Amino acid sequence: MVIRVSPLRTLLLLGALAALCTSAAFPQGKSKRHRVSSERAIEVTWEVLVAHGYEVVRIEREGDVRVVYYRRGNRGRGKGQGPIERMVIREVDNHVVFEATPEGILVDIEVKLQLPIQARLRLP
Protein backbone atom coordinates (compact mmCIF):
# COMPACT_ATOMS: atom_id res chain seq x y z
CA MET A 1 0.00 0.00 0.00
CA VAL A 2 1.43 3.40 -1.04
CA ILE A 3 0.42 6.55 0.80
CA ARG A 4 0.55 9.66 -1.35
CA VAL A 5 1.07 13.04 0.27
CA SER A 6 0.56 16.25 -1.64
CA PRO A 7 3.62 18.48 -2.13
CA LEU A 8 1.84 21.37 -0.39
CA ARG A 9 1.23 19.29 2.71
CA THR A 10 4.87 18.17 2.69
CA LEU A 11 6.05 21.80 2.54
CA LEU A 12 3.72 22.78 5.37
CA LEU A 13 4.99 19.94 7.55
CA LEU A 14 8.62 20.84 6.82
CA GLY A 15 7.92 24.51 7.60
CA ALA A 16 6.30 23.61 10.92
CA LEU A 17 9.22 21.34 11.79
CA ALA A 18 11.72 24.10 10.95
CA ALA A 19 9.80 26.57 13.13
CA LEU A 20 9.87 24.16 16.07
CA CYS A 21 13.59 23.52 15.68
CA THR A 22 14.38 27.23 15.42
CA SER A 23 12.42 28.20 18.53
CA ALA A 24 14.12 25.45 20.51
CA ALA A 25 17.55 26.48 19.24
CA PHE A 26 17.18 30.12 20.37
CA PRO A 27 16.07 30.28 24.00
CA GLN A 28 15.16 33.72 25.31
CA GLY A 29 17.23 35.67 27.82
CA LYS A 30 20.61 34.13 27.01
CA SER A 31 23.79 35.87 25.97
CA LYS A 32 25.82 35.02 22.88
CA ARG A 33 29.61 34.85 22.47
CA HIS A 34 31.40 35.83 19.28
CA ARG A 35 35.06 36.08 18.22
CA VAL A 36 35.29 39.63 16.91
CA SER A 37 36.89 42.78 18.24
CA SER A 38 34.76 44.85 20.58
CA GLU A 39 35.33 47.95 18.44
CA ARG A 40 33.95 46.16 15.38
CA ALA A 41 31.00 44.92 17.43
CA ILE A 42 30.22 48.52 18.49
CA GLU A 43 30.39 49.75 14.87
CA VAL A 44 28.07 47.03 13.62
CA THR A 45 25.67 47.49 16.53
CA TRP A 46 25.44 51.22 15.77
CA GLU A 47 24.76 50.55 12.07
CA VAL A 48 22.08 47.93 12.78
CA LEU A 49 20.30 50.07 15.39
CA VAL A 50 20.15 53.04 13.00
CA ALA A 51 18.93 50.78 10.17
CA HIS A 52 16.11 49.52 12.44
CA GLY A 53 15.00 53.08 13.20
CA TYR A 54 16.63 53.47 16.61
CA GLU A 55 18.66 56.44 17.80
CA VAL A 56 21.89 55.68 19.66
CA VAL A 57 21.90 58.00 22.67
CA ARG A 58 25.35 57.18 24.04
CA ILE A 59 27.89 54.43 24.52
CA GLU A 60 29.59 54.12 27.90
CA ARG A 61 32.84 52.26 28.37
CA GLU A 62 33.64 50.66 31.70
CA GLY A 63 36.72 48.46 31.33
CA ASP A 64 35.83 45.58 29.01
CA VAL A 65 32.11 46.38 29.20
CA ARG A 66 30.36 48.69 26.75
CA VAL A 67 26.81 49.77 27.47
CA VAL A 68 24.86 51.03 24.46
CA TYR A 69 21.90 53.27 25.28
CA TYR A 70 19.37 53.61 22.47
CA ARG A 71 15.75 54.52 21.87
CA ARG A 72 13.18 54.25 19.16
CA GLY A 73 12.88 57.32 16.95
CA ASN A 74 9.53 58.95 16.28
CA ARG A 75 9.33 57.33 12.80
CA GLY A 76 8.10 60.63 11.33
CA ARG A 77 4.82 60.55 13.24
CA GLY A 78 5.57 63.45 15.57
CA LYS A 79 4.73 61.45 18.70
CA GLY A 80 8.08 61.86 20.42
CA GLN A 81 10.73 59.27 20.99
CA GLY A 82 10.60 56.00 22.87
CA PRO A 83 12.09 55.24 26.28
CA ILE A 84 15.83 54.75 26.56
CA GLU A 85 16.83 51.09 26.48
CA ARG A 86 20.24 49.51 26.94
CA MET A 87 22.26 46.58 25.70
CA VAL A 88 25.55 45.33 27.09
CA ILE A 89 28.52 44.30 24.97
CA ARG A 90 31.40 42.82 26.92
CA GLU A 91 34.59 40.91 26.26
CA VAL A 92 35.19 37.58 27.98
CA ASP A 93 38.18 35.40 27.08
CA ASN A 94 38.64 37.05 23.65
CA HIS A 95 34.93 36.67 22.87
CA VAL A 96 32.39 39.46 22.50
CA VAL A 97 29.18 38.78 24.43
CA PHE A 98 25.89 40.56 23.61
CA GLU A 99 23.44 40.80 26.51
CA ALA A 100 19.91 42.20 26.70
CA THR A 101 19.76 42.53 22.90
CA PRO A 102 16.43 42.03 21.09
CA GLU A 103 16.44 38.93 18.86
CA GLY A 104 15.77 40.77 15.59
CA ILE A 105 18.62 43.17 16.18
CA LEU A 106 20.94 40.39 17.35
CA VAL A 107 20.34 38.38 14.19
CA ASP A 108 21.18 41.38 12.00
CA ILE A 109 24.33 42.07 14.05
CA GLU A 110 25.43 38.47 13.53
CA VAL A 111 24.81 38.65 9.79
CA LYS A 112 26.78 41.90 9.49
CA LEU A 113 29.64 40.43 11.50
CA GLN A 114 29.63 37.55 8.98
CA LEU A 115 29.65 34.86 11.62
CA PRO A 116 29.52 31.25 10.46
CA ILE A 117 26.25 29.36 10.91
CA GLN A 118 27.69 27.25 13.74
CA ALA A 119 28.44 30.39 15.78
CA ARG A 120 24.88 31.63 15.36
CA LEU A 121 23.08 28.47 16.44
CA ARG A 122 22.52 27.71 20.12
CA LEU A 123 22.56 23.98 20.34
CA PRO A 124 21.69 22.27 23.64
C-alpha atoms as a PDB file:
ATOM      1  CA  MET A   1       0.000   0.000   0.000  1.00  0.00           C
ATOM      2  CA  VAL A   2       1.430   3.401  -1.039  1.00  0.00           C
ATOM      3  CA  ILE A   3       0.418   6.555   0.797  1.00  0.00           C
ATOM      4  CA  ARG A   4       0.554   9.657  -1.346  1.00  0.00           C
ATOM      5  CA  VAL A   5       1.075  13.043   0.266  1.00  0.00           C
ATOM      6  CA  SER A   6       0.562  16.246  -1.644  1.00  0.00           C
ATOM      7  CA  PRO A   7       3.624  18.483  -2.132  1.00  0.00           C
ATOM      8  CA  LEU A   8       1.844  21.373  -0.394  1.00  0.00           C
ATOM      9  CA  ARG A   9       1.227  19.289   2.705  1.00  0.00           C
ATOM     10  CA  THR A  10       4.865  18.175   2.694  1.00  0.00           C
ATOM     11  CA  LEU A  11       6.048  21.802   2.536  1.00  0.00           C
ATOM     12  CA  LEU A  12       3.720  22.780   5.366  1.00  0.00           C
ATOM     13  CA  LEU A  13       4.988  19.940   7.549  1.00  0.00           C
ATOM     14  CA  LEU A  14       8.620  20.838   6.818  1.00  0.00           C
ATOM     15  CA  GLY A  15       7.920  24.506   7.604  1.00  0.00           C
ATOM     16  CA  ALA A  16       6.298  23.606  10.917  1.00  0.00           C
ATOM     17  CA  LEU A  17       9.217  21.344  11.790  1.00  0.00           C
ATOM     18  CA  ALA A  18      11.716  24.103  10.945  1.00  0.00           C
ATOM     19  CA  ALA A  19       9.797  26.567  13.131  1.00  0.00           C
ATOM     20  CA  LEU A  20       9.868  24.159  16.067  1.00  0.00           C
ATOM     21  CA  CYS A  21      13.590  23.521  15.675  1.00  0.00           C
ATOM     22  CA  THR A  22      14.377  27.234  15.416  1.00  0.00           C
ATOM     23  CA  SER A  23      12.422  28.203  18.526  1.00  0.00           C
ATOM     24  CA  ALA A  24      14.122  25.445  20.513  1.00  0.00           C
ATOM     25  CA  ALA A  25      17.554  26.476  19.239  1.00  0.00           C
ATOM     26  CA  PHE A  26      17.179  30.117  20.365  1.00  0.00           C
ATOM     27  CA  PRO A  27      16.074  30.282  24.002  1.00  0.00           C
ATOM     28  CA  GLN A  28      15.159  33.725  25.311  1.00  0.00           C
ATOM     29  CA  GLY A  29      17.231  35.673  27.820  1.00  0.00           C
ATOM     30  CA  LYS A  30      20.610  34.132  27.009  1.00  0.00           C
ATOM     31  CA  SER A  31      23.792  35.868  25.969  1.00  0.00           C
ATOM     32  CA  LYS A  32      25.823  35.022  22.883  1.00  0.00           C
ATOM     33  CA  ARG A  33      29.610  34.847  22.472  1.00  0.00           C
ATOM     34  CA  HIS A  34      31.399  35.826  19.276  1.00  0.00           C
ATOM     35  CA  ARG A  35      35.058  36.083  18.218  1.00  0.00           C
ATOM     36  CA  VAL A  36      35.285  39.628  16.907  1.00  0.00           C
ATOM     37  CA  SER A  37      36.888  42.780  18.244  1.00  0.00           C
ATOM     38  CA  SER A  38      34.764  44.846  20.578  1.00  0.00           C
ATOM     39  CA  GLU A  39      35.328  47.950  18.438  1.00  0.00           C
ATOM     40  CA  ARG A  40      33.945  46.159  15.375  1.00  0.00           C
ATOM     41  CA  ALA A  41      30.996  44.922  17.434  1.00  0.00           C
ATOM     42  CA  ILE A  42      30.217  48.516  18.494  1.00  0.00           C
ATOM     43  CA  GLU A  43      30.394  49.748  14.871  1.00  0.00           C
ATOM     44  CA  VAL A  44      28.068  47.035  13.616  1.00  0.00           C
ATOM     45  CA  THR A  45      25.667  47.494  16.531  1.00  0.00           C
ATOM     46  CA  TRP A  46      25.440  51.218  15.768  1.00  0.00           C
ATOM     47  CA  GLU A  47      24.757  50.545  12.066  1.00  0.00           C
ATOM     48  CA  VAL A  48      22.081  47.928  12.781  1.00  0.00           C
ATOM     49  CA  LEU A  49      20.295  50.068  15.387  1.00  0.00           C
ATOM     50  CA  VAL A  50      20.149  53.040  13.001  1.00  0.00           C
ATOM     51  CA  ALA A  51      18.932  50.780  10.174  1.00  0.00           C
ATOM     52  CA  HIS A  52      16.109  49.521  12.438  1.00  0.00           C
ATOM     53  CA  GLY A  53      14.996  53.080  13.196  1.00  0.00           C
ATOM     54  CA  TYR A  54      16.633  53.467  16.609  1.00  0.00           C
ATOM     55  CA  GLU A  55      18.663  56.442  17.796  1.00  0.00           C
ATOM     56  CA  VAL A  56      21.886  55.682  19.659  1.00  0.00           C
ATOM     57  CA  VAL A  57      21.901  58.002  22.672  1.00  0.00           C
ATOM     58  CA  ARG A  58      25.353  57.183  24.043  1.00  0.00           C
ATOM     59  CA  ILE A  59      27.891  54.429  24.522  1.00  0.00           C
ATOM     60  CA  GLU A  60      29.588  54.123  27.895  1.00  0.00           C
ATOM     61  CA  ARG A  61      32.844  52.264  28.366  1.00  0.00           C
ATOM     62  CA  GLU A  62      33.635  50.658  31.700  1.00  0.00           C
ATOM     63  CA  GLY A  63      36.725  48.459  31.334  1.00  0.00           C
ATOM     64  CA  ASP A  64      35.829  45.582  29.013  1.00  0.00           C
ATOM     65  CA  VAL A  65      32.110  46.379  29.199  1.00  0.00           C
ATOM     66  CA  ARG A  66      30.357  48.692  26.754  1.00  0.00           C
ATOM     67  CA  VAL A  67      26.807  49.770  27.468  1.00  0.00           C
ATOM     68  CA  VAL A  68      24.857  51.027  24.457  1.00  0.00           C
ATOM     69  CA  TYR A  69      21.904  53.273  25.284  1.00  0.00           C
ATOM     70  CA  TYR A  70      19.375  53.607  22.473  1.00  0.00           C
ATOM     71  CA  ARG A  71      15.748  54.518  21.873  1.00  0.00           C
ATOM     72  CA  ARG A  72      13.178  54.247  19.156  1.00  0.00           C
ATOM     73  CA  GLY A  73      12.877  57.319  16.946  1.00  0.00           C
ATOM     74  CA  ASN A  74       9.529  58.951  16.277  1.00  0.00           C
ATOM     75  CA  ARG A  75       9.329  57.333  12.799  1.00  0.00           C
ATOM     76  CA  GLY A  76       8.098  60.630  11.330  1.00  0.00           C
ATOM     77  CA  ARG A  77       4.821  60.547  13.239  1.00  0.00           C
ATOM     78  CA  GLY A  78       5.569  63.451  15.572  1.00  0.00           C
ATOM     79  CA  LYS A  79       4.735  61.451  18.703  1.00  0.00           C
ATOM     80  CA  GLY A  80       8.082  61.862  20.424  1.00  0.00           C
ATOM     81  CA  GLN A  81      10.729  59.268  20.993  1.00  0.00           C
ATOM     82  CA  GLY A  82      10.598  55.999  22.872  1.00  0.00           C
ATOM     83  CA  PRO A  83      12.088  55.239  26.282  1.00  0.00           C
ATOM     84  CA  ILE A  84      15.829  54.753  26.559  1.00  0.00           C
ATOM     85  CA  GLU A  85      16.829  51.087  26.482  1.00  0.00           C
ATOM     86  CA  ARG A  86      20.242  49.514  26.943  1.00  0.00           C
ATOM     87  CA  MET A  87      22.262  46.584  25.699  1.00  0.00           C
ATOM     88  CA  VAL A  88      25.548  45.331  27.088  1.00  0.00           C
ATOM     89  CA  ILE A  89      28.521  44.298  24.966  1.00  0.00           C
ATOM     90  CA  ARG A  90      31.398  42.818  26.921  1.00  0.00           C
ATOM     91  CA  GLU A  91      34.586  40.911  26.255  1.00  0.00           C
ATOM     92  CA  VAL A  92      35.186  37.576  27.977  1.00  0.00           C
ATOM     93  CA  ASP A  93      38.180  35.398  27.079  1.00  0.00           C
ATOM     94  CA  ASN A  94      38.643  37.049  23.649  1.00  0.00           C
ATOM     95  CA  HIS A  95      34.929  36.670  22.867  1.00  0.00           C
ATOM     96  CA  VAL A  96      32.386  39.455  22.500  1.00  0.00           C
ATOM     97  CA  VAL A  97      29.176  38.778  24.434  1.00  0.00           C
ATOM     98  CA  PHE A  98      25.895  40.559  23.609  1.00  0.00           C
ATOM     99  CA  GLU A  99      23.440  40.800  26.510  1.00  0.00           C
ATOM    100  CA  ALA A 100      19.912  42.204  26.700  1.00  0.00           C
ATOM    101  CA  THR A 101      19.760  42.527  22.903  1.00  0.00           C
ATOM    102  CA  PRO A 102      16.432  42.034  21.093  1.00  0.00           C
ATOM    103  CA  GLU A 103      16.438  38.930  18.857  1.00  0.00           C
ATOM    104  CA  GLY A 104      15.768  40.773  15.585  1.00  0.00           C
ATOM    105  CA  ILE A 105      18.622  43.170  16.181  1.00  0.00           C
ATOM    106  CA  LEU A 106      20.940  40.394  17.354  1.00  0.00           C
ATOM    107  CA  VAL A 107      20.341  38.377  14.185  1.00  0.00           C
ATOM    108  CA  ASP A 108      21.182  41.383  11.997  1.00  0.00           C
ATOM    109  CA  ILE A 109      24.326  42.070  14.045  1.00  0.00           C
ATOM    110  CA  GLU A 110      25.434  38.466  13.531  1.00  0.00           C
ATOM    111  CA  VAL A 111      24.808  38.653   9.794  1.00  0.00           C
ATOM    112  CA  LYS A 112      26.779  41.904   9.491  1.00  0.00           C
ATOM    113  CA  LEU A 113      29.643  40.429  11.498  1.00  0.00           C
ATOM    114  CA  GLN A 114      29.634  37.549   8.981  1.00  0.00           C
ATOM    115  CA  LEU A 115      29.654  34.856  11.619  1.00  0.00           C
ATOM    116  CA  PRO A 116      29.523  31.252  10.457  1.00  0.00           C
ATOM    117  CA  ILE A 117      26.254  29.365  10.910  1.00  0.00           C
ATOM    118  CA  GLN A 118      27.694  27.249  13.739  1.00  0.00           C
ATOM    119  CA  ALA A 119      28.442  30.388  15.779  1.00  0.00           C
ATOM    120  CA  ARG A 120      24.877  31.634  15.359  1.00  0.00           C
ATOM    121  CA  LEU A 121      23.077  28.474  16.442  1.00  0.00           C
ATOM    122  CA  ARG A 122      22.520  27.715  20.118  1.00  0.00           C
ATOM    123  CA  LEU A 123      22.555  23.982  20.339  1.00  0.00           C
ATOM    124  CA  PRO A 124      21.693  22.268  23.637  1.00  0.00           C
END
